[in-house]
C-alpha atoms as a PDB file:
ATOM      1  CA  MET A   1      -0.457  -0.209  -0.121  1.00  0.00           C
ATOM      2  CA  THR A   2       1.185   3.699  -1.014  1.00  0.00           C
ATOM      3  CA  THR A   3      -1.692   5.723  -0.109  1.00  0.00           C
ATOM      4  CA  PRO A   4      -2.137   6.715   3.755  1.00  0.00           C
ATOM      5  CA  CYS A   5      -4.730   5.950   5.469  1.00  0.00           C
ATOM      6  CA  ARG A   6      -6.462   4.839   8.581  1.00  0.00           C
ATOM      7  CA  HIS A   7      -5.818   0.541   8.851  1.00  0.00           C
ATOM      8  CA  ARG A   8      -7.699  -1.941  11.373  1.00  0.00           C
ATOM      9  CA  CYS A   9      -8.061  -5.167  11.120  1.00  0.00           C
ATOM     10  CA  GLY A  10      -9.901  -8.096  13.430  1.00  0.00           C
ATOM     11  CA  PHE A  11     -12.648 -11.525  13.165  1.00  0.00           C
ATOM     12  CA  ALA A  12     -16.011 -11.781  12.384  1.00  0.00           C
ATOM     13  CA  GLY A  13     -18.970 -14.174  12.569  1.00  0.00           C
ATOM     14  CA  ASN A  14     -17.961 -18.256  13.362  1.00  0.00           C
ATOM     15  CA  PRO A  15     -16.597 -19.657  11.697  1.00  0.00           C
ATOM     16  CA  SER A  16     -14.023 -16.736  11.752  1.00  0.00           C
ATOM     17  CA  THR A  17     -13.827 -14.539   8.836  1.00  0.00           C
ATOM     18  CA  TYR A  18     -10.933 -12.698   8.520  1.00  0.00           C
ATOM     19  CA  TYR A  19     -11.147  -9.048   7.153  1.00  0.00           C
ATOM     20  CA  GLU A  20      -8.963  -5.708   7.267  1.00  0.00           C
ATOM     21  CA  VAL A  21     -10.109  -1.973   6.649  1.00  0.00           C
ATOM     22  CA  MET A  22      -8.291   0.813   5.113  1.00  0.00           C
ATOM     23  CA  GLU A  23      -9.978   4.244   5.788  1.00  0.00           C
ATOM     24  CA  PRO A  24      -8.661   7.390   3.779  1.00  0.00           C
ATOM     25  CA  LEU A  25      -7.422  10.207   5.363  1.00  0.00           C
ATOM     26  CA  THR A  26     -10.436  11.864   3.798  1.00  0.00           C
ATOM     27  CA  PRO A  27     -12.699  10.230   2.973  1.00  0.00           C
ATOM     28  CA  ASN A  28     -16.032  10.610   0.426  1.00  0.00           C
ATOM     29  CA  GLY A  29     -18.555   9.728   2.228  1.00  0.00           C
ATOM     30  CA  GLN A  30     -19.327   6.714  -0.071  1.00  0.00           C
ATOM     31  CA  PRO A  31     -20.117   3.158   1.486  1.00  0.00           C
ATOM     32  CA  PRO A  32     -16.409   0.647   1.994  1.00  0.00           C
ATOM     33  CA  VAL A  33     -16.267  -1.560  -0.824  1.00  0.00           C
ATOM     34  CA  LEU A  34     -15.223  -4.987  -0.028  1.00  0.00           C
ATOM     35  CA  MET A  35     -13.908  -6.975  -2.216  1.00  0.00           C
ATOM     36  CA  VAL A  36     -14.547 -10.417  -1.961  1.00  0.00           C
ATOM     37  CA  THR A  37     -12.009 -13.095  -3.572  1.00  0.00           C
ATOM     38  CA  GLY A  38     -12.018 -16.273  -6.024  1.00  0.00           C
ATOM     39  CA  GLY A  39     -11.217 -19.181  -5.953  1.00  0.00           C
ATOM     40  CA  VAL A  40      -7.358 -20.087  -4.698  1.00  0.00           C
ATOM     41  CA  HIS A  41      -6.440 -16.690  -3.497  1.00  0.00           C
ATOM     42  CA  SER A  42      -6.404 -14.527  -0.141  1.00  0.00           C
ATOM     43  CA  GLY A  43      -7.240 -11.186  -0.024  1.00  0.00           C
ATOM     44  CA  ALA A  44      -4.204 -10.054  -0.911  1.00  0.00           C
ATOM     45  CA  CYS A  45      -4.474 -10.242  -4.545  1.00  0.00           C
ATOM     46  CA  TYR A  46      -6.374  -7.130  -4.300  1.00  0.00           C
ATOM     47  CA  GLN A  47      -3.204  -5.409  -2.099  1.00  0.00           C
ATOM     48  CA  VAL A  48      -0.429  -6.008  -4.259  1.00  0.00           C
ATOM     49  CA  THR A  49       0.442  -7.179  -8.644  1.00  0.00           C
ATOM     50  CA  PRO A  50       3.041 -10.155  -9.007  1.00  0.00           C
ATOM     51  CA  ASP A  51       5.621  -7.358 -10.091  1.00  0.00           C
ATOM     52  CA  GLY A  52       4.983  -5.219  -6.889  1.00  0.00           C
ATOM     53  CA  ARG A  53       2.664  -2.336  -8.085  1.00  0.00           C
ATOM     54  CA  PRO A  54      -0.082  -1.405  -5.474  1.00  0.00           C
ATOM     55  CA  GLY A  55      -3.270  -3.072  -6.405  1.00  0.00           C
ATOM     56  CA  TRP A  56      -7.069  -2.445  -6.258  1.00  0.00           C
ATOM     57  CA  ALA A  57      -7.684  -1.937  -2.616  1.00  0.00           C
ATOM     58  CA  ASP A  58      -4.904   1.021  -3.240  1.00  0.00           C
ATOM     59  CA  ASP A  59      -6.518   2.466  -6.648  1.00  0.00           C
ATOM     60  CA  PHE A  60      -9.737   2.932  -4.485  1.00  0.00           C
ATOM     61  CA  LEU A  61      -7.938   4.451  -1.295  1.00  0.00           C
ATOM     62  CA  ARG A  62      -6.484   6.997  -3.708  1.00  0.00           C
ATOM     63  CA  ARG A  63      -9.940   7.803  -4.405  1.00  0.00           C
ATOM     64  CA  GLY A  64     -11.211   8.796  -1.170  1.00  0.00           C
ATOM     65  CA  HIS A  65     -13.322   5.461  -0.847  1.00  0.00           C
ATOM     66  CA  THR A  66     -12.831   3.464   1.910  1.00  0.00           C
ATOM     67  CA  VAL A  67     -11.989  -0.449   1.575  1.00  0.00           C
ATOM     68  CA  ALA A  68     -12.668  -3.835   3.093  1.00  0.00           C
ATOM     69  CA  LEU A  69     -10.640  -7.082   2.455  1.00  0.00           C
ATOM     70  CA  ALA A  70     -12.239 -10.812   3.318  1.00  0.00           C
ATOM     71  CA  ASP A  71      -9.966 -13.734   3.082  1.00  0.00           C
ATOM     72  CA  TRP A  72     -13.010 -16.501   2.874  1.00  0.00           C
ATOM     73  CA  PRO A  73     -13.792 -18.981   6.367  1.00  0.00           C
ATOM     74  CA  GLY A  74     -11.476 -21.714   6.176  1.00  0.00           C
ATOM     75  CA  VAL A  75      -8.785 -19.641   3.943  1.00  0.00           C
ATOM     76  CA  GLY A  76      -5.665 -17.766   4.620  1.00  0.00           C
ATOM     77  CA  ARG A  77      -6.444 -15.643   7.940  1.00  0.00           C
ATOM     78  CA  SER A  78      -9.647 -16.637   8.968  1.00  0.00           C
ATOM     79  CA  GLY A  79      -7.802 -20.465  10.194  1.00  0.00           C
ATOM     80  CA  HIS A  80      -8.882 -23.426   9.366  1.00  0.00           C
ATOM     81  CA  ILE A  81     -12.437 -25.309   9.006  1.00  0.00           C
ATOM     82  CA  PRO A  82     -12.432 -28.878   7.806  1.00  0.00           C
ATOM     83  CA  PRO A  83     -13.065 -28.573   4.340  1.00  0.00           C
ATOM     84  CA  GLY A  84     -16.165 -31.061   4.277  1.00  0.00           C
ATOM     85  CA  GLU A  85     -17.747 -27.929   6.423  1.00  0.00           C
ATOM     86  CA  LEU A  86     -17.103 -25.647   4.096  1.00  0.00           C
ATOM     87  CA  SER A  87     -19.601 -24.506   1.799  1.00  0.00           C
ATOM     88  CA  GLY A  88     -20.832 -21.757  -0.165  1.00  0.00           C
ATOM     89  CA  GLN A  89     -23.805 -20.049   2.093  1.00  0.00           C
ATOM     90  CA  THR A  90     -20.805 -20.321   4.923  1.00  0.00           C
ATOM     91  CA  ILE A  91     -18.593 -18.178   2.903  1.00  0.00           C
ATOM     92  CA  VAL A  92     -21.884 -16.466   2.349  1.00  0.00           C
ATOM     93  CA  ASP A  93     -22.238 -16.095   6.192  1.00  0.00           C
ATOM     94  CA  GLY A  94     -19.081 -14.948   6.455  1.00  0.00           C
ATOM     95  CA  LEU A  95     -19.001 -12.020   4.130  1.00  0.00           C
ATOM     96  CA  ALA A  96     -22.092 -10.722   5.853  1.00  0.00           C
ATOM     97  CA  ALA A  97     -20.773 -10.906   9.374  1.00  0.00           C
ATOM     98  CA  VAL A  98     -17.802  -8.873   7.950  1.00  0.00           C
ATOM     99  CA  ILE A  99     -20.331  -6.082   6.648  1.00  0.00           C
ATOM    100  CA  GLU A 100     -22.325  -5.502   9.667  1.00  0.00           C
ATOM    101  CA  GLU A 101     -18.323  -5.315  11.145  1.00  0.00           C
ATOM    102  CA  ILE A 102     -17.679  -2.676   9.195  1.00  0.00           C
ATOM    103  CA  GLY A 103     -20.695  -0.077   9.607  1.00  0.00           C
ATOM    104  CA  GLY A 104     -24.056  -2.182   7.754  1.00  0.00           C
ATOM    105  CA  ARG A 105     -23.811  -1.224   4.519  1.00  0.00           C
ATOM    106  CA  ALA A 106     -20.968  -2.239   1.847  1.00  0.00           C
ATOM    107  CA  VAL A 107     -20.208  -2.312  -1.486  1.00  0.00           C
ATOM    108  CA  VAL A 108     -19.442  -5.147  -2.988  1.00  0.00           C
ATOM    109  CA  LEU A 109     -16.863  -6.057  -5.341  1.00  0.00           C
ATOM    110  CA  THR A 110     -16.906  -9.659  -5.931  1.00  0.00           C
ATOM    111  CA  HIS A 111     -14.693 -11.961  -8.650  1.00  0.00           C
ATOM    112  CA  SER A 112     -14.910 -15.651 -10.644  1.00  0.00           C
ATOM    113  CA  ILE A 113     -16.484 -17.825  -7.353  1.00  0.00           C
ATOM    114  CA  GLY A 114     -16.947 -15.256  -6.000  1.00  0.00           C
ATOM    115  CA  GLY A 115     -19.948 -13.635  -7.994  1.00  0.00           C
ATOM    116  CA  ALA A 116     -22.111 -16.714  -6.202  1.00  0.00           C
ATOM    117  CA  PHE A 117     -21.258 -15.461  -3.400  1.00  0.00           C
ATOM    118  CA  GLY A 118     -22.513 -11.384  -4.133  1.00  0.00           C
ATOM    119  CA  TRP A 119     -25.482 -12.604  -5.396  1.00  0.00           C
ATOM    120  CA  LYS A 120     -26.814 -14.718  -3.080  1.00  0.00           C
ATOM    121  CA  LEU A 121     -25.776 -11.499  -0.490  1.00  0.00           C
ATOM    122  CA  VAL A 122     -28.248  -9.180  -2.146  1.00  0.00           C
ATOM    123  CA  GLU A 123     -31.213 -11.239  -1.720  1.00  0.00           C
ATOM    124  CA  GLN A 124     -30.378 -12.475   2.118  1.00  0.00           C
ATOM    125  CA  HIS A 125     -29.503  -8.892   2.851  1.00  0.00           C
ATOM    126  CA  PRO A 126     -30.682  -6.192   0.708  1.00  0.00           C
ATOM    127  CA  ASP A 127     -30.227  -3.449   2.659  1.00  0.00           C
ATOM    128  CA  ALA A 128     -26.851  -4.342   3.597  1.00  0.00           C
ATOM    129  CA  ILE A 129     -25.728  -4.167  -0.326  1.00  0.00           C
ATOM    130  CA  ALA A 130     -25.342  -0.746  -1.931  1.00  0.00           C
ATOM    131  CA  ALA A 131     -24.411  -2.202  -5.517  1.00  0.00           C
ATOM    132  CA  VAL A 132     -22.102  -4.709  -7.002  1.00  0.00           C
ATOM    133  CA  ILE A 133     -19.127  -4.818  -9.327  1.00  0.00           C
ATOM    134  CA  GLY A 134     -18.289  -8.423 -10.424  1.00  0.00           C
ATOM    135  CA  VAL A 135     -15.496  -9.096 -11.764  1.00  0.00           C
ATOM    136  CA  ALA A 136     -16.017 -12.303 -14.135  1.00  0.00           C
ATOM    137  CA  PRO A 137     -18.546 -12.926 -11.774  1.00  0.00           C
ATOM    138  CA  ALA A 138     -19.181 -17.007 -11.154  1.00  0.00           C
ATOM    139  CA  SER A 139     -23.599 -16.504 -12.534  1.00  0.00           C
ATOM    140  CA  PRO A 140     -26.333 -17.953  -9.977  1.00  0.00           C
ATOM    141  CA  GLY A 141     -26.683 -21.332  -9.635  1.00  0.00           C
ATOM    142  CA  ASN A 142     -30.421 -21.177 -11.990  1.00  0.00           C
ATOM    143  CA  MET A 143     -29.512 -19.519 -14.664  1.00  0.00           C
ATOM    144  CA  GLY A 144     -25.399 -20.865 -14.917  1.00  0.00           C
ATOM    145  CA  ALA A 145     -24.583 -23.647 -17.201  1.00  0.00           C
ATOM    146  CA  GLU A 146     -22.894 -27.159 -15.621  1.00  0.00           C
ATOM    147  CA  LEU A 147     -19.224 -27.289 -16.302  1.00  0.00           C
ATOM    148  CA  GLY A 148     -19.234 -30.824 -16.684  1.00  0.00           C
ATOM    149  CA  HIS A 149     -21.149 -34.225 -15.827  1.00  0.00           C
ATOM    150  CA  LEU A 150     -21.468 -36.973 -13.385  1.00  0.00           C
ATOM    151  CA  VAL A 151     -20.053 -39.600 -13.879  1.00  0.00           C
ATOM    152  CA  ARG A 152     -19.663 -41.315 -10.680  1.00  0.00           C
ATOM    153  CA  ASP A 153     -21.476 -40.298  -7.281  1.00  0.00           C
ATOM    154  CA  GLU A 154     -19.432 -42.285  -4.435  1.00  0.00           C
ATOM    155  CA  GLY A 155     -21.073 -39.589  -1.881  1.00  0.00           C
ATOM    156  CA  ASN A 156     -18.570 -37.066  -1.124  1.00  0.00           C
ATOM    157  CA  ARG A 157     -16.369 -38.150  -3.784  1.00  0.00           C
ATOM    158  CA  LYS A 158     -17.353 -37.285  -7.042  1.00  0.00           C
ATOM    159  CA  VAL A 159     -15.819 -38.596  -9.975  1.00  0.00           C
ATOM    160  CA  VAL A 160     -16.841 -35.473 -12.363  1.00  0.00           C
ATOM    161  CA  ALA A 161     -16.643 -35.401 -16.445  1.00  0.00           C
ATOM    162  CA  MET A 162     -15.050 -31.580 -17.505  1.00  0.00           C
ATOM    163  CA  PRO A 163     -13.904 -29.755 -20.487  1.00  0.00           C
ATOM    164  CA  SER A 164     -10.530 -30.055 -19.789  1.00  0.00           C
ATOM    165  CA  GLY A 165     -10.775 -34.101 -18.604  1.00  0.00           C
ATOM    166  CA  GLU A 166     -12.136 -36.164 -15.712  1.00  0.00           C
ATOM    167  CA  ALA A 167     -11.876 -34.779 -12.291  1.00  0.00           C
ATOM    168  CA  VAL A 168     -11.642 -37.020  -8.447  1.00  0.00           C
ATOM    169  CA  LEU A 169     -13.422 -34.056  -6.427  1.00  0.00           C
ATOM    170  CA  ASP A 170     -12.937 -35.105  -2.592  1.00  0.00           C
ATOM    171  CA  LEU A 171     -15.689 -33.227  -1.256  1.00  0.00           C
ATOM    172  CA  ASP A 172     -14.145 -34.073   1.770  1.00  0.00           C
ATOM    173  CA  ARG A 173     -10.248 -32.065   1.424  1.00  0.00           C
ATOM    174  CA  THR A 174      -8.753 -29.465   0.495  1.00  0.00           C
ATOM    175  CA  LEU A 175      -7.749 -29.796  -3.328  1.00  0.00           C
ATOM    176  CA  SER A 176      -4.481 -28.184  -4.655  1.00  0.00           C
ATOM    177  CA  PHE A 177      -3.833 -27.904  -8.464  1.00  0.00           C
ATOM    178  CA  PRO A 178      -0.725 -27.857 -10.622  1.00  0.00           C
ATOM    179  CA  PRO A 179       0.908 -24.902 -12.277  1.00  0.00           C
ATOM    180  CA  GLU A 180      -0.664 -25.903 -15.535  1.00  0.00           C
ATOM    181  CA  PHE A 181      -3.911 -25.651 -14.242  1.00  0.00           C
ATOM    182  CA  HIS A 182      -3.623 -22.613 -12.685  1.00  0.00           C
ATOM    183  CA  ARG A 183      -1.467 -21.132 -16.223  1.00  0.00           C
ATOM    184  CA  ALA A 184      -4.797 -22.349 -18.308  1.00  0.00           C
ATOM    185  CA  LYS A 185      -7.344 -20.901 -16.307  1.00  0.00           C
ATOM    186  CA  LEU A 186      -5.913 -17.943 -14.782  1.00  0.00           C
ATOM    187  CA  VAL A 187      -3.578 -16.717 -17.441  1.00  0.00           C
ATOM    188  CA  GLY A 188      -4.689 -18.428 -19.965  1.00  0.00           C
ATOM    189  CA  SER A 189      -3.910 -16.236 -23.459  1.00  0.00           C
ATOM    190  CA  SER A 190      -3.636 -12.890 -21.604  1.00  0.00           C
ATOM    191  CA  THR A 191      -1.311 -10.429 -23.096  1.00  0.00           C
ATOM    192  CA  ARG A 192      -1.048  -8.159 -19.576  1.00  0.00           C
ATOM    193  CA  PHE A 193      -0.101 -10.820 -17.024  1.00  0.00           C
ATOM    194  CA  PRO A 194       3.271 -10.002 -15.641  1.00  0.00           C
ATOM    195  CA  LEU A 195       4.794 -13.630 -16.972  1.00  0.00           C
ATOM    196  CA  GLU A 196       7.999 -12.717 -15.643  1.00  0.00           C
ATOM    197  CA  ASP A 197       6.117 -13.390 -12.678  1.00  0.00           C
ATOM    198  CA  VAL A 198       4.028 -16.303 -12.718  1.00  0.00           C
ATOM    199  CA  ASP A 199       6.383 -18.417 -11.066  1.00  0.00           C
ATOM    200  CA  THR A 200       5.912 -15.925  -7.608  1.00  0.00           C
ATOM    201  CA  TYR A 201       2.518 -15.648  -8.382  1.00  0.00           C
ATOM    202  CA  PHE A 202       1.487 -19.304  -8.689  1.00  0.00           C
ATOM    203  CA  ARG A 203       3.834 -20.134  -5.192  1.00  0.00           C
ATOM    204  CA  SER A 204       0.762 -17.560  -3.825  1.00  0.00           C
ATOM    205  CA  LEU A 205      -2.505 -19.331  -4.700  1.00  0.00           C
ATOM    206  CA  GLN A 206      -4.318 -21.496  -2.090  1.00  0.00           C
ATOM    207  CA  GLY A 207      -6.176 -24.931  -1.687  1.00  0.00           C
ATOM    208  CA  ILE A 208      -9.662 -24.965  -1.885  1.00  0.00           C
ATOM    209  CA  SER A 209     -12.570 -27.368  -0.647  1.00  0.00           C
ATOM    210  CA  GLY A 210     -13.104 -29.966  -2.802  1.00  0.00           C
ATOM    211  CA  ARG A 211     -17.344 -29.432  -1.874  1.00  0.00           C
ATOM    212  CA  ILE A 212     -16.671 -25.711  -3.459  1.00  0.00           C
ATOM    213  CA  VAL A 213     -14.908 -27.120  -6.157  1.00  0.00           C
ATOM    214  CA  PHE A 214     -18.287 -29.390  -6.657  1.00  0.00           C
ATOM    215  CA  GLU A 215     -20.565 -26.516  -6.088  1.00  0.00           C
ATOM    216  CA  ARG A 216     -19.389 -24.508  -8.442  1.00  0.00           C
ATOM    217  CA  THR A 217     -19.223 -27.169 -11.790  1.00  0.00           C
ATOM    218  CA  ASN A 218     -23.304 -26.648 -11.018  1.00  0.00           C
ATOM    219  CA  ILE A 219     -24.287 -30.090 -11.513  1.00  0.00           C
ATOM    220  CA  GLY A 220     -27.653 -30.293 -10.484  1.00  0.00           C
ATOM    221  CA  GLY A 221     -27.738 -27.146  -9.780  1.00  0.00           C
ATOM    222  CA  GLY A 222     -25.468 -26.632  -6.492  1.00  0.00           C
ATOM    223  CA  GLN A 223     -24.330 -23.448  -7.377  1.00  0.00           C
ATOM    224  CA  LEU A 224     -25.821 -21.433  -4.361  1.00  0.00           C
ATOM    225  CA  ARG A 225     -29.504 -20.441  -6.473  1.00  0.00           C
ATOM    226  CA  ILE A 226     -31.217 -17.051  -5.826  1.00  0.00           C
ATOM    227  CA  GLU A 227     -34.927 -18.408  -5.038  1.00  0.00           C
ATOM    228  CA  ASP A 228     -36.520 -14.815  -3.893  1.00  0.00           C
ATOM    229  CA  ALA A 229     -34.888 -11.975  -6.464  1.00  0.00           C
ATOM    230  CA  SER A 230     -36.646  -9.311  -5.228  1.00  0.00           C
ATOM    231  CA  GLY A 231     -33.703  -7.797  -3.099  1.00  0.00           C
ATOM    232  CA  PHE A 232     -32.478  -6.965  -6.703  1.00  0.00           C
ATOM    233  CA  ALA A 233     -35.184  -4.601  -7.107  1.00  0.00           C
ATOM    234  CA  GLY A 234     -33.426  -1.317  -8.527  1.00  0.00           C
ATOM    235  CA  LYS A 235     -29.889  -2.538  -7.573  1.00  0.00           C
ATOM    236  CA  ARG A 236     -27.193  -1.182  -9.110  1.00  0.00           C
ATOM    237  CA  ILE A 237     -24.664  -3.670 -10.653  1.00  0.00           C
ATOM    238  CA  LEU A 238     -21.795  -3.576 -13.504  1.00  0.00           C
ATOM    239  CA  VAL A 239     -20.387  -6.913 -15.103  1.00  0.00           C
ATOM    240  CA  VAL A 240     -16.863  -6.855 -16.001  1.00  0.00           C
ATOM    241  CA  THR A 241     -15.454  -9.239 -18.459  1.00  0.00           C
ATOM    242  CA  GLY A 242     -11.779  -9.136 -20.318  1.00  0.00           C
ATOM    243  CA  THR A 243     -11.425 -10.205 -24.061  1.00  0.00           C
ATOM    244  CA  GLU A 244      -9.080 -12.827 -23.343  1.00  0.00           C
ATOM    245  CA  ASP A 245     -10.819 -14.707 -20.206  1.00  0.00           C
ATOM    246  CA  ILE A 246     -11.523 -18.056 -21.570  1.00  0.00           C
ATOM    247  CA  ASP A 247     -14.213 -19.010 -19.111  1.00  0.00           C
ATOM    248  CA  HIS A 248     -15.807 -15.129 -19.194  1.00  0.00           C
ATOM    249  CA  PRO A 249     -16.693 -15.014 -23.518  1.00  0.00           C
ATOM    250  CA  ARG A 250     -19.332 -11.964 -23.633  1.00  0.00           C
ATOM    251  CA  GLU A 251     -22.280 -13.708 -24.100  1.00  0.00           C
ATOM    252  CA  GLN A 252     -21.934 -15.886 -21.375  1.00  0.00           C
ATOM    253  CA  ASP A 253     -21.629 -12.489 -18.794  1.00  0.00           C
ATOM    254  CA  GLY A 254     -23.888 -10.608 -20.794  1.00  0.00           C
ATOM    255  CA  ALA A 255     -26.720 -13.685 -20.076  1.00  0.00           C
ATOM    256  CA  VAL A 256     -25.932 -12.781 -16.270  1.00  0.00           C
ATOM    257  CA  VAL A 257     -26.994  -8.987 -16.505  1.00  0.00           C
ATOM    258  CA  ASP A 258     -29.773 -10.402 -18.984  1.00  0.00           C
ATOM    259  CA  TRP A 259     -31.171 -12.233 -15.787  1.00  0.00           C
ATOM    260  CA  LEU A 260     -29.792  -9.398 -13.188  1.00  0.00           C
ATOM    261  CA  ASN A 261     -32.203  -6.812 -15.356  1.00  0.00           C
ATOM    262  CA  ALA A 262     -35.295  -9.324 -15.740  1.00  0.00           C
ATOM    263  CA  ALA A 263     -35.105  -9.618 -12.100  1.00  0.00           C
ATOM    264  CA  GLY A 264     -35.289  -5.834 -11.003  1.00  0.00           C
ATOM    265  CA  ALA A 265     -31.349  -4.772 -11.575  1.00  0.00           C
ATOM    266  CA  ARG A 266     -30.451  -1.381 -13.492  1.00  0.00           C
ATOM    267  CA  ALA A 267     -27.411  -3.971 -14.263  1.00  0.00           C
ATOM    268  CA  GLU A 268     -24.613  -3.275 -17.014  1.00  0.00           C
ATOM    269  CA  LEU A 269     -22.447  -5.030 -18.922  1.00  0.00           C
ATOM    270  CA  CYS A 270     -18.779  -3.020 -18.988  1.00  0.00           C
ATOM    271  CA  TYR A 271     -16.955  -5.783 -21.979  1.00  0.00           C
ATOM    272  CA  LEU A 272     -13.578  -3.906 -21.921  1.00  0.00           C
ATOM    273  CA  GLY A 273     -13.263  -4.645 -25.108  1.00  0.00           C
ATOM    274  CA  ASP A 274     -15.940  -2.137 -26.276  1.00  0.00           C
ATOM    275  CA  ARG A 275     -13.491   0.518 -25.180  1.00  0.00           C
ATOM    276  CA  GLY A 276     -10.615  -0.033 -26.940  1.00  0.00           C
ATOM    277  CA  ILE A 277      -9.300  -2.188 -23.592  1.00  0.00           C
ATOM    278  CA  THR A 278      -8.037  -5.668 -25.347  1.00  0.00           C
ATOM    279  CA  GLY A 279      -5.606  -8.366 -24.083  1.00  0.00           C
ATOM    280  CA  ASN A 280      -6.628  -8.892 -20.050  1.00  0.00           C
ATOM    281  CA  GLY A 281      -7.626 -12.454 -18.901  1.00  0.00           C
ATOM    282  CA  HIS A 282      -9.483 -13.848 -15.501  1.00  0.00           C
ATOM    283  CA  MET A 283      -7.110 -12.099 -13.191  1.00  0.00           C
ATOM    284  CA  MET A 284      -7.255  -8.563 -14.535  1.00  0.00           C
ATOM    285  CA  MET A 285      -6.604  -6.849 -11.113  1.00  0.00           C
ATOM    286  CA  LEU A 286      -2.868  -8.383 -10.869  1.00  0.00           C
ATOM    287  CA  GLU A 287      -2.630  -7.354 -15.041  1.00  0.00           C
ATOM    288  CA  ARG A 288      -0.234  -4.831 -16.180  1.00  0.00           C
ATOM    289  CA  ASN A 289      -3.005  -2.096 -16.943  1.00  0.00           C
ATOM    290  CA  SER A 290      -5.112  -2.489 -13.381  1.00  0.00           C
ATOM    291  CA  SER A 291      -5.069   0.430 -12.260  1.00  0.00           C
ATOM    292  CA  ASP A 292      -6.687   2.078 -15.267  1.00  0.00           C
ATOM    293  CA  ILE A 293      -9.389  -1.117 -14.823  1.00  0.00           C
ATOM    294  CA  ALA A 294     -10.219   0.654 -11.407  1.00  0.00           C
ATOM    295  CA  GLY A 295      -9.693   3.369 -12.727  1.00  0.00           C
ATOM    296  CA  ILE A 296     -12.645   1.960 -14.553  1.00  0.00           C
ATOM    297  CA  LEU A 297     -14.899   0.393 -11.727  1.00  0.00           C
ATOM    298  CA  ILE A 298     -14.533   3.766  -9.489  1.00  0.00           C
ATOM    299  CA  ASP A 299     -16.296   6.050 -12.259  1.00  0.00           C
ATOM    300  CA  TRP A 300     -18.844   3.334 -12.651  1.00  0.00           C
ATOM    301  CA  LEU A 301     -19.429   3.823  -8.343  1.00  0.00           C
ATOM    302  CA  GLU A 302     -18.994   7.314  -8.253  1.00  0.00           C
ATOM    303  CA  THR A 303     -22.051   8.119 -10.951  1.00  0.00           C
ATOM    304  CA  ALA A 304     -23.680   4.759  -9.952  1.00  0.00           C
ATOM    305  CA  LEU A 305     -24.281   6.081  -6.234  1.00  0.00           C
ATOM    306  CA  PRO A 306     -23.243   9.801  -5.815  1.00  0.00           C
ATOM    307  CA  ALA A 307     -21.807  11.739  -3.170  1.00  0.00           C
END
């Protein structure tokens, strides 16, 4: 972090969710921005890039926004939870507890699978969510496609056929993936990722609960579903998509925006290619033009929620 700020940290909820809050010396009066990670990351992915530049937390602070970061329950500084006891709803409950601790209302910025948690927060705690920014977000389970099919169901051990091949998901274990998987999923064909630092980045990644991975496949509608969409009415939402994210083509994230608007939200798609920004993959908050993208998000937020 390079921007002067007031800093505090703590634990919220049970099981505990670690959070930290960075408040600018001259705050702009908007609700804090809670930055929610995707899988295999801790909140550090918003603090620093692999090549050592300040991350999105610093970009938002510099514009007067209070920023909160959280590690999912069972991840990073939140401490251990047996993987078989961790579910998407557990994570949603932990994030809701963090929002309560930081003032009771927040803008939620989500990434990847964290998007599913953000939509559930809107459903279950609509008054606590001022707006949502979803970066390559997972869709709600009731509108998203299944990412594979079940070959064998052995109770807490699922054999799943996915586009990348057959996978064995043990719901009671923490899973780790090889660098080849991370390179394909997180870097892919991005021309913006600092490849000279990719090995350092891979070493920073976390394990992930097999149960959470199985939820993400949405097999049998296992991804968190929205049962009551009334909380989305009038909610300002921005969905952001890069041109080189293999798992988030424009059409897919555009369908999420259409679903949100049908639910009553005021949702918009920001496809970076439409702004002349090309080459960004799944981890745009870590890529070389991360501050430029942060500026787009902040400009939208300050228009959507004027102070």
